[in-house]
């Protein structure tokens, strides 16, 4: 296969994984944008004790999530 095809396939796979992990953050109360950012900053999906709780300015990250 051509290297360009591998690059495209890799990019698609990376986008799918990033979206799945961002959805896990969304399931724990985070907004979509926060979910995508948290995947990058926390390097993956949430642990059992991580999530977002409603704050004055919208959902806020917490490491004491009780969902």
C-alpha atoms as a PDB file:
ATOM      1  CA  UNK A   1       0.000   0.000   0.000  1.00  0.00           C
ATOM      2  CA  UNK A   2       1.040   3.532  -0.545  1.00  0.00           C
ATOM      3  CA  UNK A   3       2.290   5.636   2.382  1.00  0.00           C
ATOM      4  CA  UNK A   4      -0.392   8.240   1.697  1.00  0.00           C
ATOM      5  CA  UNK A   5      -3.119   5.629   2.173  1.00  0.00           C
ATOM      6  CA  UNK A   6      -1.588   4.603   5.516  1.00  0.00           C
ATOM      7  CA  UNK A   7      -1.529   8.255   6.577  1.00  0.00           C
ATOM      8  CA  UNK A   8      -5.191   8.756   5.666  1.00  0.00           C
ATOM      9  CA  UNK A   9      -6.238   5.506   7.368  1.00  0.00           C
ATOM     10  CA  UNK A  10      -4.248   6.466  10.477  1.00  0.00           C
ATOM     11  CA  UNK A  11      -5.875   9.891  10.605  1.00  0.00           C
ATOM     12  CA  UNK A  12      -9.354   8.383  10.319  1.00  0.00           C
ATOM     13  CA  UNK A  13      -8.631   5.840  13.063  1.00  0.00           C
ATOM     14  CA  UNK A  14      -7.219   8.572  15.314  1.00  0.00           C
ATOM     15  CA  UNK A  15     -10.313  10.729  14.771  1.00  0.00           C
ATOM     16  CA  UNK A  16     -12.635   7.834  15.622  1.00  0.00           C
ATOM     17  CA  UNK A  17     -10.716   6.991  18.815  1.00  0.00           C
ATOM     18  CA  UNK A  18     -10.636  10.662  19.843  1.00  0.00           C
ATOM     19  CA  UNK A  19     -14.408  10.924  19.310  1.00  0.00           C
ATOM     20  CA  UNK A  20     -15.136   7.750  21.305  1.00  0.00           C
ATOM     21  CA  UNK A  21     -13.020   8.972  24.229  1.00  0.00           C
ATOM     22  CA  UNK A  22     -14.604  12.446  24.082  1.00  0.00           C
ATOM     23  CA  UNK A  23     -18.032  10.779  24.242  1.00  0.00           C
ATOM     24  CA  UNK A  24     -16.966   9.051  27.482  1.00  0.00           C
ATOM     25  CA  UNK A  25     -16.272  12.496  28.977  1.00  0.00           C
ATOM     26  CA  UNK A  26     -19.642  13.723  27.706  1.00  0.00           C
ATOM     27  CA  UNK A  27     -21.328  10.789  29.429  1.00  0.00           C
ATOM     28  CA  UNK A  28     -19.810  12.061  32.680  1.00  0.00           C
ATOM     29  CA  UNK A  29     -21.374  15.522  32.392  1.00  0.00           C
ATOM     30  CA  UNK A  30     -18.793  17.399  30.297  1.00  0.00           C
ATOM     31  CA  UNK A  31     -19.697  19.425  27.210  1.00  0.00           C
ATOM     32  CA  UNK A  32     -18.559  18.141  23.812  1.00  0.00           C
ATOM     33  CA  UNK A  33     -15.787  20.701  23.532  1.00  0.00           C
ATOM     34  CA  UNK A  34     -14.571  19.923  27.027  1.00  0.00           C
ATOM     35  CA  UNK A  35     -14.607  16.223  26.193  1.00  0.00           C
ATOM     36  CA  UNK A  36     -12.308  16.653  23.212  1.00  0.00           C
ATOM     37  CA  UNK A  37      -9.967  18.916  25.202  1.00  0.00           C
ATOM     38  CA  UNK A  38      -9.915  16.565  28.187  1.00  0.00           C
ATOM     39  CA  UNK A  39      -8.950  13.630  25.968  1.00  0.00           C
ATOM     40  CA  UNK A  40      -5.814  15.578  25.087  1.00  0.00           C
ATOM     41  CA  UNK A  41      -5.028  17.011  28.524  1.00  0.00           C
ATOM     42  CA  UNK A  42      -5.793  13.835  30.498  1.00  0.00           C
ATOM     43  CA  UNK A  43      -4.487  11.542  27.714  1.00  0.00           C
ATOM     44  CA  UNK A  44      -7.574   9.404  27.339  1.00  0.00           C
ATOM     45  CA  UNK A  45     -10.956   8.797  28.823  1.00  0.00           C
ATOM     46  CA  UNK A  46     -12.069   9.550  32.364  1.00  0.00           C
ATOM     47  CA  UNK A  47     -11.218   7.454  35.397  1.00  0.00           C
ATOM     48  CA  UNK A  48     -14.044   6.453  37.738  1.00  0.00           C
ATOM     49  CA  UNK A  49     -13.508   9.556  39.905  1.00  0.00           C
ATOM     50  CA  UNK A  50     -13.184  12.087  37.052  1.00  0.00           C
ATOM     51  CA  UNK A  51     -15.962  13.967  35.287  1.00  0.00           C
ATOM     52  CA  UNK A  52     -17.728  17.337  35.179  1.00  0.00           C
ATOM     53  CA  UNK A  53     -20.206  18.887  37.570  1.00  0.00           C
ATOM     54  CA  UNK A  54     -22.417  21.886  36.940  1.00  0.00           C
ATOM     55  CA  UNK A  55     -20.821  25.169  37.967  1.00  0.00           C
ATOM     56  CA  UNK A  56     -21.821  28.804  37.555  1.00  0.00           C
ATOM     57  CA  UNK A  57     -20.269  28.985  34.068  1.00  0.00           C
ATOM     58  CA  UNK A  58     -21.418  25.528  32.943  1.00  0.00           C
ATOM     59  CA  UNK A  59     -19.866  22.107  33.490  1.00  0.00           C
ATOM     60  CA  UNK A  60     -16.532  22.172  35.316  1.00  0.00           C
ATOM     61  CA  UNK A  61     -13.953  19.367  35.518  1.00  0.00           C
ATOM     62  CA  UNK A  62     -13.648  17.619  38.864  1.00  0.00           C
ATOM     63  CA  UNK A  63     -11.550  14.720  40.072  1.00  0.00           C
ATOM     64  CA  UNK A  64     -14.184  13.964  42.727  1.00  0.00           C
ATOM     65  CA  UNK A  65     -17.005  13.077  40.324  1.00  0.00           C
ATOM     66  CA  UNK A  66     -19.967  11.384  41.981  1.00  0.00           C
ATOM     67  CA  UNK A  67     -22.249  11.233  38.898  1.00  0.00           C
END
